Amino acid sequence: MSDPGSNPRQSDPLGRLAESIREMKTAMADRDDVVVELREASRMRLELLAQDLAPVFEDVPKDSDQFDFTISSGLQPRLWIDATAHVAMGRDRRIYRFVRDTRLGRVVLAETAEMKTVAEQVTRYIAERILERERAIEGDFHPAALPLAAAATPSPVGEKWASFLWALTFMIIGAAAGVTAVLAWLWDKLPPATP
């Protein structure tokens, strides 16, 4: 028999579970709101940086298609400078991180809370990339401008012959080792000599 003063709802585990699920959904929604706000704050800071760099972006030659100058969306917004370099906000959403991806890994070019400092570094990077491209297009390579140590290196023809001779040497050593191994293996297979 049930006690007339007791409430059967209080002892119902399904009711407690439903309430716990509702509380968890509310907590998750609050956390999601915070994440969205942080993402929007990062995006806003990157938009301010892009506005500060707008005159630099406009000065880039129109025929240069190596730069992007776009802000990407996603979990971590980024201001892309080109295919390998971008500015993103640090974990605290106050530090600008200007990084470049290289074959050897990611290189941090600037990391500071000062937007002006990052803008100067981005401007310098853009100038370097424009000059690199111009030199590559013009074929601006002057052997006389090389340092003395570089001028003392052997010519490409000499390097080819040296590489060929080393390869030939290793091939001869390998062949001799192979012949020796085969003879040692066959030595055990030969019948013993009778007097």
N, C-alpha and C. Protein backbone atom coordinates (compact mmCIF):
# COMPACT_ATOMS: atom_id res chain seq x y z
N MET A 1 0.82 -1.17 0.00
CA MET A 1 0.00 0.00 0.00
C MET A 1 0.86 1.23 0.00
N SER A 2 0.42 2.21 -0.69
CA SER A 2 1.19 3.44 -0.73
C SER A 2 0.73 4.39 0.35
N ASP A 3 1.65 5.18 0.78
CA ASP A 3 1.35 6.18 1.81
C ASP A 3 0.62 7.35 1.16
N PRO A 4 -0.55 7.80 1.72
CA PRO A 4 -1.29 8.84 1.05
C PRO A 4 -0.53 10.16 1.00
N GLY A 5 0.45 10.38 1.86
CA GLY A 5 1.19 11.66 1.85
C GLY A 5 2.36 11.66 0.88
N SER A 6 2.76 10.50 0.33
CA SER A 6 3.92 10.47 -0.56
C SER A 6 3.51 10.78 -1.99
N ASN A 7 4.45 11.36 -2.72
CA ASN A 7 4.22 11.72 -4.13
C ASN A 7 4.92 10.69 -5.00
N PRO A 8 4.17 9.93 -5.81
CA PRO A 8 4.83 8.91 -6.62
C PRO A 8 5.77 9.51 -7.67
N ARG A 9 5.63 10.79 -8.01
CA ARG A 9 6.49 11.43 -9.01
C ARG A 9 7.92 11.61 -8.49
N GLN A 10 8.09 11.83 -7.22
CA GLN A 10 9.41 12.09 -6.67
C GLN A 10 10.32 10.87 -6.77
N SER A 11 9.76 9.71 -6.69
CA SER A 11 10.58 8.52 -6.75
C SER A 11 10.71 7.97 -8.17
N ASP A 12 10.13 8.65 -9.15
CA ASP A 12 10.17 8.18 -10.53
C ASP A 12 11.52 8.52 -11.16
N PRO A 13 12.39 7.53 -11.45
CA PRO A 13 13.71 7.82 -12.02
C PRO A 13 13.61 8.41 -13.42
N LEU A 14 12.58 8.12 -14.19
CA LEU A 14 12.45 8.68 -15.53
C LEU A 14 12.20 10.18 -15.47
N GLY A 15 11.46 10.63 -14.48
CA GLY A 15 11.22 12.06 -14.31
C GLY A 15 12.52 12.79 -13.98
N ARG A 16 13.35 12.18 -13.13
CA ARG A 16 14.65 12.80 -12.80
C ARG A 16 15.57 12.82 -14.01
N LEU A 17 15.53 11.76 -14.81
CA LEU A 17 16.37 11.72 -16.00
C LEU A 17 15.95 12.78 -17.01
N ALA A 18 14.65 12.93 -17.20
CA ALA A 18 14.17 13.94 -18.14
C ALA A 18 14.58 15.34 -17.68
N GLU A 19 14.51 15.59 -16.38
CA GLU A 19 14.92 16.89 -15.85
C GLU A 19 16.42 17.09 -16.03
N SER A 20 17.21 16.04 -15.80
CA SER A 20 18.67 16.13 -15.98
C SER A 20 19.03 16.39 -17.44
N ILE A 21 18.32 15.75 -18.34
CA ILE A 21 18.56 15.97 -19.78
C ILE A 21 18.24 17.42 -20.13
N ARG A 22 17.15 17.94 -19.60
CA ARG A 22 16.77 19.32 -19.87
C ARG A 22 17.83 20.29 -19.33
N GLU A 23 18.36 20.02 -18.14
CA GLU A 23 19.40 20.86 -17.56
C GLU A 23 20.68 20.80 -18.40
N MET A 24 21.02 19.60 -18.88
CA MET A 24 22.23 19.45 -19.72
C MET A 24 22.08 20.19 -21.04
N LYS A 25 20.89 20.13 -21.63
CA LYS A 25 20.66 20.85 -22.89
C LYS A 25 20.80 22.34 -22.68
N THR A 26 20.31 22.85 -21.57
CA THR A 26 20.43 24.28 -21.28
C THR A 26 21.90 24.65 -21.10
N ALA A 27 22.65 23.83 -20.37
CA ALA A 27 24.08 24.10 -20.15
C ALA A 27 24.84 24.06 -21.47
N MET A 28 24.52 23.07 -22.33
CA MET A 28 25.20 22.97 -23.63
C MET A 28 24.87 24.17 -24.52
N ALA A 29 23.63 24.63 -24.48
CA ALA A 29 23.26 25.80 -25.27
C ALA A 29 24.02 27.02 -24.79
N ASP A 30 24.18 27.15 -23.46
CA ASP A 30 24.95 28.28 -22.93
C ASP A 30 26.41 28.21 -23.39
N ARG A 31 27.00 27.01 -23.35
CA ARG A 31 28.39 26.86 -23.81
C ARG A 31 28.50 27.16 -25.30
N ASP A 32 27.54 26.69 -26.09
CA ASP A 32 27.56 26.97 -27.53
C ASP A 32 27.46 28.46 -27.80
N ASP A 33 26.65 29.17 -27.01
CA ASP A 33 26.55 30.62 -27.17
C ASP A 33 27.89 31.28 -26.91
N VAL A 34 28.60 30.81 -25.89
CA VAL A 34 29.91 31.38 -25.58
C VAL A 34 30.88 31.12 -26.72
N VAL A 35 30.87 29.91 -27.27
CA VAL A 35 31.77 29.58 -28.39
C VAL A 35 31.47 30.46 -29.59
N VAL A 36 30.20 30.63 -29.89
CA VAL A 36 29.81 31.48 -31.03
C VAL A 36 30.24 32.91 -30.79
N GLU A 37 30.08 33.40 -29.56
CA GLU A 37 30.49 34.76 -29.25
C GLU A 37 32.00 34.93 -29.40
N LEU A 38 32.77 33.95 -28.93
CA LEU A 38 34.23 34.01 -29.09
C LEU A 38 34.62 34.00 -30.56
N ARG A 39 33.97 33.15 -31.34
CA ARG A 39 34.26 33.07 -32.76
C ARG A 39 33.95 34.41 -33.45
N GLU A 40 32.82 34.99 -33.08
CA GLU A 40 32.43 36.29 -33.66
C GLU A 40 33.40 37.39 -33.23
N ALA A 41 33.87 37.34 -31.98
CA ALA A 41 34.85 38.32 -31.52
C ALA A 41 36.14 38.18 -32.31
N SER A 42 36.58 36.95 -32.56
CA SER A 42 37.80 36.73 -33.36
C SER A 42 37.60 37.25 -34.77
N ARG A 43 36.47 36.96 -35.35
CA ARG A 43 36.19 37.42 -36.71
C ARG A 43 36.17 38.95 -36.77
N MET A 44 35.59 39.59 -35.76
CA MET A 44 35.53 41.04 -35.74
C MET A 44 36.93 41.65 -35.66
N ARG A 45 37.80 41.06 -34.83
CA ARG A 45 39.17 41.57 -34.74
C ARG A 45 39.91 41.39 -36.06
N LEU A 46 39.69 40.26 -36.73
CA LEU A 46 40.33 40.05 -38.03
C LEU A 46 39.78 41.01 -39.07
N GLU A 47 38.49 41.33 -39.00
CA GLU A 47 37.92 42.31 -39.93
C GLU A 47 38.52 43.69 -39.70
N LEU A 48 38.77 44.05 -38.42
CA LEU A 48 39.43 45.33 -38.13
C LEU A 48 40.85 45.36 -38.70
N LEU A 49 41.56 44.24 -38.58
CA LEU A 49 42.90 44.15 -39.14
C LEU A 49 42.84 44.27 -40.66
N ALA A 50 41.87 43.61 -41.29
CA ALA A 50 41.73 43.69 -42.74
C ALA A 50 41.42 45.11 -43.18
N GLN A 51 40.60 45.83 -42.41
CA GLN A 51 40.32 47.23 -42.73
C GLN A 51 41.58 48.08 -42.61
N ASP A 52 42.40 47.79 -41.59
CA ASP A 52 43.66 48.52 -41.42
C ASP A 52 44.61 48.23 -42.57
N LEU A 53 44.56 47.01 -43.12
CA LEU A 53 45.45 46.63 -44.22
C LEU A 53 44.85 46.91 -45.60
N ALA A 54 43.65 47.44 -45.67
CA ALA A 54 42.98 47.68 -46.95
C ALA A 54 43.81 48.52 -47.92
N PRO A 55 44.47 49.61 -47.47
CA PRO A 55 45.32 50.36 -48.42
C PRO A 55 46.47 49.53 -48.98
N VAL A 56 47.03 48.65 -48.15
CA VAL A 56 48.12 47.77 -48.62
C VAL A 56 47.58 46.79 -49.64
N PHE A 57 46.42 46.21 -49.35
CA PHE A 57 45.81 45.26 -50.28
C PHE A 57 45.51 45.91 -51.62
N GLU A 58 45.09 47.16 -51.60
CA GLU A 58 44.77 47.87 -52.84
C GLU A 58 46.03 48.21 -53.65
N ASP A 59 47.17 48.37 -52.97
CA ASP A 59 48.42 48.70 -53.66
C ASP A 59 49.07 47.50 -54.34
N VAL A 60 48.60 46.30 -54.02
CA VAL A 60 49.17 45.10 -54.66
C VAL A 60 48.85 45.15 -56.14
N PRO A 61 49.84 44.87 -57.01
CA PRO A 61 49.59 44.90 -58.45
C PRO A 61 48.41 44.01 -58.84
N LYS A 62 47.60 44.51 -59.73
CA LYS A 62 46.38 43.79 -60.12
C LYS A 62 46.70 42.47 -60.84
N ASP A 63 47.87 42.38 -61.49
CA ASP A 63 48.22 41.16 -62.20
C ASP A 63 48.77 40.07 -61.27
N SER A 64 48.94 40.39 -59.98
CA SER A 64 49.46 39.43 -59.01
C SER A 64 48.29 38.64 -58.42
N ASP A 65 48.23 37.37 -58.78
CA ASP A 65 47.14 36.53 -58.29
C ASP A 65 47.58 35.60 -57.17
N GLN A 66 48.70 35.88 -56.54
CA GLN A 66 49.21 35.00 -55.49
C GLN A 66 48.62 35.29 -54.12
N PHE A 67 47.89 36.38 -53.97
CA PHE A 67 47.34 36.75 -52.67
C PHE A 67 45.84 36.49 -52.62
N ASP A 68 45.33 36.22 -51.40
CA ASP A 68 43.91 35.93 -51.21
C ASP A 68 43.17 37.09 -50.56
N PHE A 69 43.66 37.56 -49.42
CA PHE A 69 43.05 38.64 -48.65
C PHE A 69 41.59 38.37 -48.34
N THR A 70 41.28 37.20 -47.80
CA THR A 70 39.92 36.86 -47.42
C THR A 70 39.90 36.34 -45.99
N ILE A 71 38.76 36.48 -45.35
CA ILE A 71 38.57 35.93 -44.01
C ILE A 71 37.73 34.68 -44.15
N SER A 72 38.29 33.58 -43.69
CA SER A 72 37.57 32.31 -43.79
C SER A 72 36.70 32.11 -42.56
N SER A 73 35.63 31.39 -42.74
CA SER A 73 34.75 31.05 -41.62
C SER A 73 35.17 29.70 -41.07
N GLY A 74 34.50 29.28 -40.04
CA GLY A 74 34.81 27.98 -39.46
C GLY A 74 35.01 28.11 -37.98
N LEU A 75 35.55 27.05 -37.38
CA LEU A 75 35.78 27.08 -35.94
C LEU A 75 36.77 28.15 -35.54
N GLN A 76 37.78 28.38 -36.38
CA GLN A 76 38.76 29.42 -36.11
C GLN A 76 38.89 30.30 -37.36
N PRO A 77 38.26 31.47 -37.33
CA PRO A 77 38.37 32.37 -38.49
C PRO A 77 39.83 32.77 -38.74
N ARG A 78 40.16 32.95 -40.00
CA ARG A 78 41.53 33.32 -40.38
C ARG A 78 41.50 34.36 -41.48
N LEU A 79 42.41 35.30 -41.41
CA LEU A 79 42.61 36.27 -42.49
C LEU A 79 43.75 35.72 -43.35
N TRP A 80 43.39 35.23 -44.53
CA TRP A 80 44.38 34.62 -45.42
C TRP A 80 45.08 35.71 -46.22
N ILE A 81 46.40 35.64 -46.21
CA ILE A 81 47.21 36.57 -46.99
C ILE A 81 47.52 35.93 -48.34
N ASP A 82 47.98 34.70 -48.32
CA ASP A 82 48.17 33.91 -49.53
C ASP A 82 47.89 32.45 -49.18
N ALA A 83 48.28 31.55 -50.03
CA ALA A 83 47.95 30.14 -49.81
C ALA A 83 48.68 29.53 -48.62
N THR A 84 49.77 30.15 -48.17
CA THR A 84 50.54 29.56 -47.09
C THR A 84 50.58 30.41 -45.82
N ALA A 85 50.13 31.65 -45.86
CA ALA A 85 50.23 32.53 -44.70
C ALA A 85 48.86 33.08 -44.32
N HIS A 86 48.63 33.14 -43.02
CA HIS A 86 47.37 33.68 -42.52
C HIS A 86 47.56 34.26 -41.12
N VAL A 87 46.59 35.09 -40.73
CA VAL A 87 46.54 35.63 -39.38
C VAL A 87 45.33 35.02 -38.69
N ALA A 88 45.54 34.51 -37.49
CA ALA A 88 44.45 33.96 -36.68
C ALA A 88 44.60 34.52 -35.28
N MET A 89 43.56 34.40 -34.52
CA MET A 89 43.61 34.86 -33.14
C MET A 89 44.10 33.72 -32.26
N GLY A 90 44.84 34.07 -31.21
CA GLY A 90 45.33 33.08 -30.26
C GLY A 90 44.20 32.53 -29.41
N ARG A 91 44.54 31.65 -28.50
CA ARG A 91 43.53 31.01 -27.66
C ARG A 91 42.76 32.02 -26.80
N ASP A 92 43.44 33.07 -26.38
CA ASP A 92 42.76 34.05 -25.53
C ASP A 92 41.97 35.08 -26.34
N ARG A 93 42.01 34.98 -27.65
CA ARG A 93 41.26 35.85 -28.58
C ARG A 93 41.72 37.30 -28.53
N ARG A 94 42.90 37.55 -27.97
CA ARG A 94 43.45 38.90 -27.95
C ARG A 94 44.78 39.00 -28.69
N ILE A 95 45.42 37.88 -28.87
CA ILE A 95 46.74 37.83 -29.51
C ILE A 95 46.56 37.50 -30.98
N TYR A 96 47.16 38.33 -31.84
CA TYR A 96 47.18 38.05 -33.27
C TYR A 96 48.36 37.13 -33.54
N ARG A 97 48.13 36.05 -34.30
CA ARG A 97 49.20 35.13 -34.68
C ARG A 97 49.30 35.10 -36.20
N PHE A 98 50.41 35.63 -36.72
CA PHE A 98 50.67 35.63 -38.15
C PHE A 98 51.62 34.48 -38.43
N VAL A 99 51.13 33.46 -39.13
CA VAL A 99 51.92 32.25 -39.36
C VAL A 99 52.00 31.93 -40.85
N ARG A 100 53.03 31.16 -41.17
CA ARG A 100 53.23 30.70 -42.55
C ARG A 100 53.55 29.21 -42.50
N ASP A 101 52.88 28.44 -43.34
CA ASP A 101 53.14 27.00 -43.44
C ASP A 101 54.26 26.78 -44.44
N THR A 102 55.28 26.02 -44.03
CA THR A 102 56.40 25.69 -44.90
C THR A 102 56.53 24.18 -44.98
N ARG A 103 57.46 23.72 -45.78
CA ARG A 103 57.70 22.28 -45.89
C ARG A 103 58.21 21.70 -44.58
N LEU A 104 58.84 22.52 -43.77
CA LEU A 104 59.40 22.06 -42.50
C LEU A 104 58.46 22.28 -41.32
N GLY A 105 57.27 22.80 -41.58
CA GLY A 105 56.31 23.03 -40.51
C GLY A 105 55.83 24.47 -40.50
N ARG A 106 55.06 24.78 -39.49
CA ARG A 106 54.48 26.12 -39.36
C ARG A 106 55.47 27.05 -38.67
N VAL A 107 55.65 28.25 -39.26
CA VAL A 107 56.55 29.25 -38.72
C VAL A 107 55.72 30.46 -38.27
N VAL A 108 55.93 30.90 -37.03
CA VAL A 108 55.23 32.07 -36.51
C VAL A 108 56.04 33.30 -36.92
N LEU A 109 55.44 34.15 -37.75
CA LEU A 109 56.10 35.37 -38.22
C LEU A 109 55.89 36.53 -37.26
N ALA A 110 54.76 36.56 -36.57
CA ALA A 110 54.49 37.59 -35.56
C ALA A 110 53.42 37.06 -34.62
N GLU A 111 53.56 37.42 -33.35
CA GLU A 111 52.57 37.04 -32.36
C GLU A 111 52.53 38.15 -31.31
N THR A 112 51.47 38.94 -31.36
CA THR A 112 51.36 40.09 -30.49
C THR A 112 49.90 40.51 -30.34
N ALA A 113 49.65 41.29 -29.29
CA ALA A 113 48.31 41.83 -29.08
C ALA A 113 48.12 43.15 -29.82
N GLU A 114 49.19 43.70 -30.36
CA GLU A 114 49.14 44.98 -31.06
C GLU A 114 48.79 44.78 -32.53
N MET A 115 47.65 45.30 -32.94
CA MET A 115 47.21 45.15 -34.32
C MET A 115 48.17 45.86 -35.28
N LYS A 116 48.72 46.99 -34.86
CA LYS A 116 49.63 47.76 -35.73
C LYS A 116 50.90 46.95 -36.04
N THR A 117 51.42 46.25 -35.05
CA THR A 117 52.63 45.44 -35.25
C THR A 117 52.36 44.32 -36.25
N VAL A 118 51.22 43.65 -36.11
CA VAL A 118 50.88 42.58 -37.05
C VAL A 118 50.67 43.15 -38.44
N ALA A 119 50.01 44.31 -38.54
CA ALA A 119 49.80 44.93 -39.85
C ALA A 119 51.13 45.26 -40.52
N GLU A 120 52.11 45.72 -39.75
CA GLU A 120 53.43 46.01 -40.31
C GLU A 120 54.11 44.73 -40.80
N GLN A 121 53.99 43.65 -40.04
CA GLN A 121 54.60 42.38 -40.45
C GLN A 121 53.93 41.82 -41.70
N VAL A 122 52.61 41.94 -41.78
CA VAL A 122 51.90 41.47 -42.97
C VAL A 122 52.31 42.30 -44.18
N THR A 123 52.43 43.61 -44.01
CA THR A 123 52.86 44.49 -45.10
C THR A 123 54.26 44.11 -45.58
N ARG A 124 55.14 43.85 -44.64
CA ARG A 124 56.52 43.44 -44.99
C ARG A 124 56.50 42.10 -45.74
N TYR A 125 55.68 41.17 -45.27
CA TYR A 125 55.58 39.87 -45.92
C TYR A 125 55.08 40.02 -47.36
N ILE A 126 54.06 40.83 -47.55
CA ILE A 126 53.52 41.04 -48.90
C ILE A 126 54.58 41.64 -49.81
N ALA A 127 55.34 42.61 -49.30
CA ALA A 127 56.41 43.22 -50.10
C ALA A 127 57.46 42.19 -50.48
N GLU A 128 57.85 41.34 -49.53
CA GLU A 128 58.84 40.30 -49.83
C GLU A 128 58.34 39.34 -50.90
N ARG A 129 57.08 38.94 -50.78
CA ARG A 129 56.51 38.01 -51.76
C ARG A 129 56.42 38.63 -53.15
N ILE A 130 56.08 39.91 -53.23
CA ILE A 130 56.01 40.60 -54.52
C ILE A 130 57.40 40.66 -55.16
N LEU A 131 58.41 40.98 -54.36
CA LEU A 131 59.78 41.04 -54.89
C LEU A 131 60.27 39.65 -55.31
N GLU A 132 59.96 38.62 -54.53
CA GLU A 132 60.35 37.26 -54.91
C GLU A 132 59.73 36.88 -56.25
N ARG A 133 58.48 37.22 -56.43
CA ARG A 133 57.78 36.89 -57.68
C ARG A 133 58.40 37.64 -58.86
N GLU A 134 58.68 38.93 -58.67
CA GLU A 134 59.28 39.72 -59.75
C GLU A 134 60.65 39.15 -60.13
N ARG A 135 61.45 38.79 -59.13
CA ARG A 135 62.78 38.23 -59.43
C ARG A 135 62.66 36.89 -60.14
N ALA A 136 61.68 36.09 -59.75
CA ALA A 136 61.50 34.79 -60.40
C ALA A 136 61.05 34.97 -61.85
N ILE A 137 60.18 35.93 -62.10
CA ILE A 137 59.69 36.17 -63.46
C ILE A 137 60.81 36.71 -64.35
N GLU A 138 61.58 37.64 -63.81
CA GLU A 138 62.65 38.25 -64.60
C GLU A 138 63.87 37.36 -64.72
N GLY A 139 63.96 36.34 -63.91
CA GLY A 139 65.14 35.48 -63.94
C GLY A 139 66.34 36.24 -63.42
N ASP A 140 66.13 37.05 -62.42
CA ASP A 140 67.16 37.94 -61.88
C ASP A 140 68.12 37.16 -60.99
N PHE A 141 69.04 36.44 -61.64
CA PHE A 141 70.03 35.67 -60.92
C PHE A 141 71.40 36.07 -61.44
N HIS A 142 72.21 36.65 -60.57
CA HIS A 142 73.53 37.11 -60.97
C HIS A 142 74.60 36.34 -60.20
N PRO A 143 75.38 35.49 -60.89
CA PRO A 143 76.42 34.73 -60.19
C PRO A 143 77.45 35.62 -59.53
N ALA A 144 77.68 36.82 -60.05
CA ALA A 144 78.67 37.71 -59.45
C ALA A 144 78.21 38.18 -58.08
N ALA A 145 76.95 38.14 -57.82
CA ALA A 145 76.42 38.60 -56.54
C ALA A 145 76.51 37.53 -55.46
N LEU A 146 76.98 36.33 -55.82
CA LEU A 146 77.09 35.26 -54.85
C LEU A 146 78.25 35.52 -53.90
N PRO A 147 78.16 35.09 -52.67
CA PRO A 147 79.29 35.20 -51.75
C PRO A 147 80.45 34.33 -52.23
N LEU A 148 81.64 34.61 -51.70
CA LEU A 148 82.83 33.88 -52.14
C LEU A 148 82.72 32.39 -51.87
N ALA A 149 82.13 32.00 -50.77
CA ALA A 149 82.00 30.57 -50.46
C ALA A 149 81.14 29.87 -51.51
N ALA A 150 80.10 30.53 -51.96
CA ALA A 150 79.24 29.93 -52.97
C ALA A 150 79.94 29.89 -54.32
N ALA A 151 80.78 30.89 -54.62
CA ALA A 151 81.48 30.92 -55.89
C ALA A 151 82.54 29.82 -55.96
N ALA A 152 83.03 29.35 -54.81
CA ALA A 152 84.08 28.34 -54.78
C ALA A 152 83.52 26.93 -54.96
N THR A 153 82.21 26.76 -55.02
CA THR A 153 81.64 25.43 -55.18
C THR A 153 81.93 24.93 -56.58
N PRO A 154 82.03 23.62 -56.75
CA PRO A 154 82.32 23.07 -58.08
C PRO A 154 81.17 23.33 -59.05
N SER A 155 81.50 23.27 -60.32
CA SER A 155 80.50 23.51 -61.35
C SER A 155 79.53 22.33 -61.40
N PRO A 156 78.35 22.53 -61.98
CA PRO A 156 77.38 21.43 -62.06
C PRO A 156 77.92 20.23 -62.84
N VAL A 157 78.75 20.48 -63.85
CA VAL A 157 79.32 19.37 -64.63
C VAL A 157 80.26 18.55 -63.75
N GLY A 158 81.08 19.22 -62.96
CA GLY A 158 82.00 18.53 -62.05
C GLY A 158 81.24 17.74 -61.00
N GLU A 159 80.14 18.32 -60.51
CA GLU A 159 79.32 17.62 -59.53
C GLU A 159 78.70 16.36 -60.13
N LYS A 160 78.29 16.41 -61.38
CA LYS A 160 77.71 15.23 -62.04
C LYS A 160 78.73 14.12 -62.15
N TRP A 161 79.97 14.46 -62.55
CA TRP A 161 81.01 13.45 -62.66
C TRP A 161 81.35 12.86 -61.31
N ALA A 162 81.41 13.69 -60.28
CA ALA A 162 81.71 13.18 -58.94
C ALA A 162 80.61 12.24 -58.47
N SER A 163 79.37 12.59 -58.73
CA SER A 163 78.25 11.72 -58.36
C SER A 163 78.31 10.40 -59.13
N PHE A 164 78.66 10.48 -60.41
CA PHE A 164 78.77 9.27 -61.23
C PHE A 164 79.87 8.35 -60.70
N LEU A 165 81.02 8.92 -60.36
CA LEU A 165 82.13 8.11 -59.86
C LEU A 165 81.79 7.47 -58.51
N TRP A 166 81.12 8.20 -57.63
CA TRP A 166 80.72 7.62 -56.36
C TRP A 166 79.74 6.47 -56.59
N ALA A 167 78.78 6.67 -57.47
CA ALA A 167 77.80 5.62 -57.76
C ALA A 167 78.49 4.39 -58.33
N LEU A 168 79.44 4.60 -59.26
CA LEU A 168 80.17 3.49 -59.84
C LEU A 168 80.98 2.75 -58.78
N THR A 169 81.59 3.48 -57.86
CA THR A 169 82.37 2.86 -56.78
C THR A 169 81.48 1.98 -55.91
N PHE A 170 80.33 2.52 -55.50
CA PHE A 170 79.42 1.73 -54.66
C PHE A 170 78.86 0.53 -55.42
N MET A 171 78.65 0.66 -56.71
CA MET A 171 78.16 -0.46 -57.50
C MET A 171 79.22 -1.57 -57.56
N ILE A 172 80.47 -1.22 -57.74
CA ILE A 172 81.54 -2.22 -57.79
C ILE A 172 81.69 -2.91 -56.43
N ILE A 173 81.62 -2.12 -55.34
CA ILE A 173 81.72 -2.71 -54.00
C ILE A 173 80.54 -3.66 -53.75
N GLY A 174 79.35 -3.25 -54.17
CA GLY A 174 78.16 -4.10 -54.00
C GLY A 174 78.27 -5.38 -54.80
N ALA A 175 78.79 -5.29 -56.03
CA ALA A 175 78.95 -6.48 -56.87
C ALA A 175 79.96 -7.44 -56.24
N ALA A 176 81.06 -6.90 -55.71
CA ALA A 176 82.07 -7.75 -55.07
C ALA A 176 81.49 -8.44 -53.84
N ALA A 177 80.70 -7.70 -53.06
CA ALA A 177 80.09 -8.31 -51.87
C ALA A 177 79.10 -9.38 -52.28
N GLY A 178 78.36 -9.17 -53.35
CA GLY A 178 77.40 -10.15 -53.83
C GLY A 178 78.09 -11.42 -54.31
N VAL A 179 79.16 -11.27 -55.08
CA VAL A 179 79.91 -12.44 -55.57
C VAL A 179 80.49 -13.22 -54.40
N THR A 180 81.01 -12.51 -53.40
CA THR A 180 81.58 -13.18 -52.23
C THR A 180 80.50 -13.97 -51.48
N ALA A 181 79.33 -13.39 -51.34
CA ALA A 181 78.24 -14.07 -50.63
C ALA A 181 77.79 -15.32 -51.39
N VAL A 182 77.70 -15.23 -52.71
CA VAL A 182 77.29 -16.39 -53.51
C VAL A 182 78.35 -17.49 -53.42
N LEU A 183 79.64 -17.14 -53.51
CA LEU A 183 80.70 -18.15 -53.39
C LEU A 183 80.69 -18.81 -52.02
N ALA A 184 80.44 -18.05 -50.96
CA ALA A 184 80.39 -18.63 -49.61
C ALA A 184 79.22 -19.59 -49.49
N TRP A 185 78.09 -19.25 -50.08
CA TRP A 185 76.92 -20.12 -50.03
C TRP A 185 77.17 -21.41 -50.83
N LEU A 186 77.81 -21.27 -52.02
CA LEU A 186 78.10 -22.44 -52.85
C LEU A 186 79.19 -23.32 -52.23
N TRP A 187 80.06 -22.77 -51.46
CA TRP A 187 81.16 -23.52 -50.87
C TRP A 187 80.61 -24.64 -49.98
N ASP A 188 79.53 -24.36 -49.27
CA ASP A 188 78.91 -25.39 -48.43
C ASP A 188 78.18 -26.43 -49.26
N LYS A 189 77.77 -26.09 -50.46
CA LYS A 189 77.00 -27.01 -51.30
C LYS A 189 77.89 -27.95 -52.12
N LEU A 190 79.14 -27.61 -52.29
CA LEU A 190 80.05 -28.46 -53.09
C LEU A 190 80.38 -29.74 -52.31
N PRO A 191 80.53 -30.86 -53.05
CA PRO A 191 80.92 -32.10 -52.36
C PRO A 191 82.38 -32.01 -51.95
N PRO A 192 82.73 -32.71 -50.89
CA PRO A 192 84.13 -32.64 -50.43
C PRO A 192 85.07 -33.29 -51.47
N ALA A 193 86.24 -32.77 -51.53
CA ALA A 193 87.22 -33.29 -52.50
C ALA A 193 87.80 -34.61 -51.94
N THR A 194 87.94 -35.63 -52.83
CA THR A 194 88.49 -36.91 -52.42
C THR A 194 89.93 -37.01 -52.93
N PRO A 195 90.84 -37.58 -52.11
CA PRO A 195 92.23 -37.72 -52.58
C PRO A 195 92.47 -38.82 -53.53
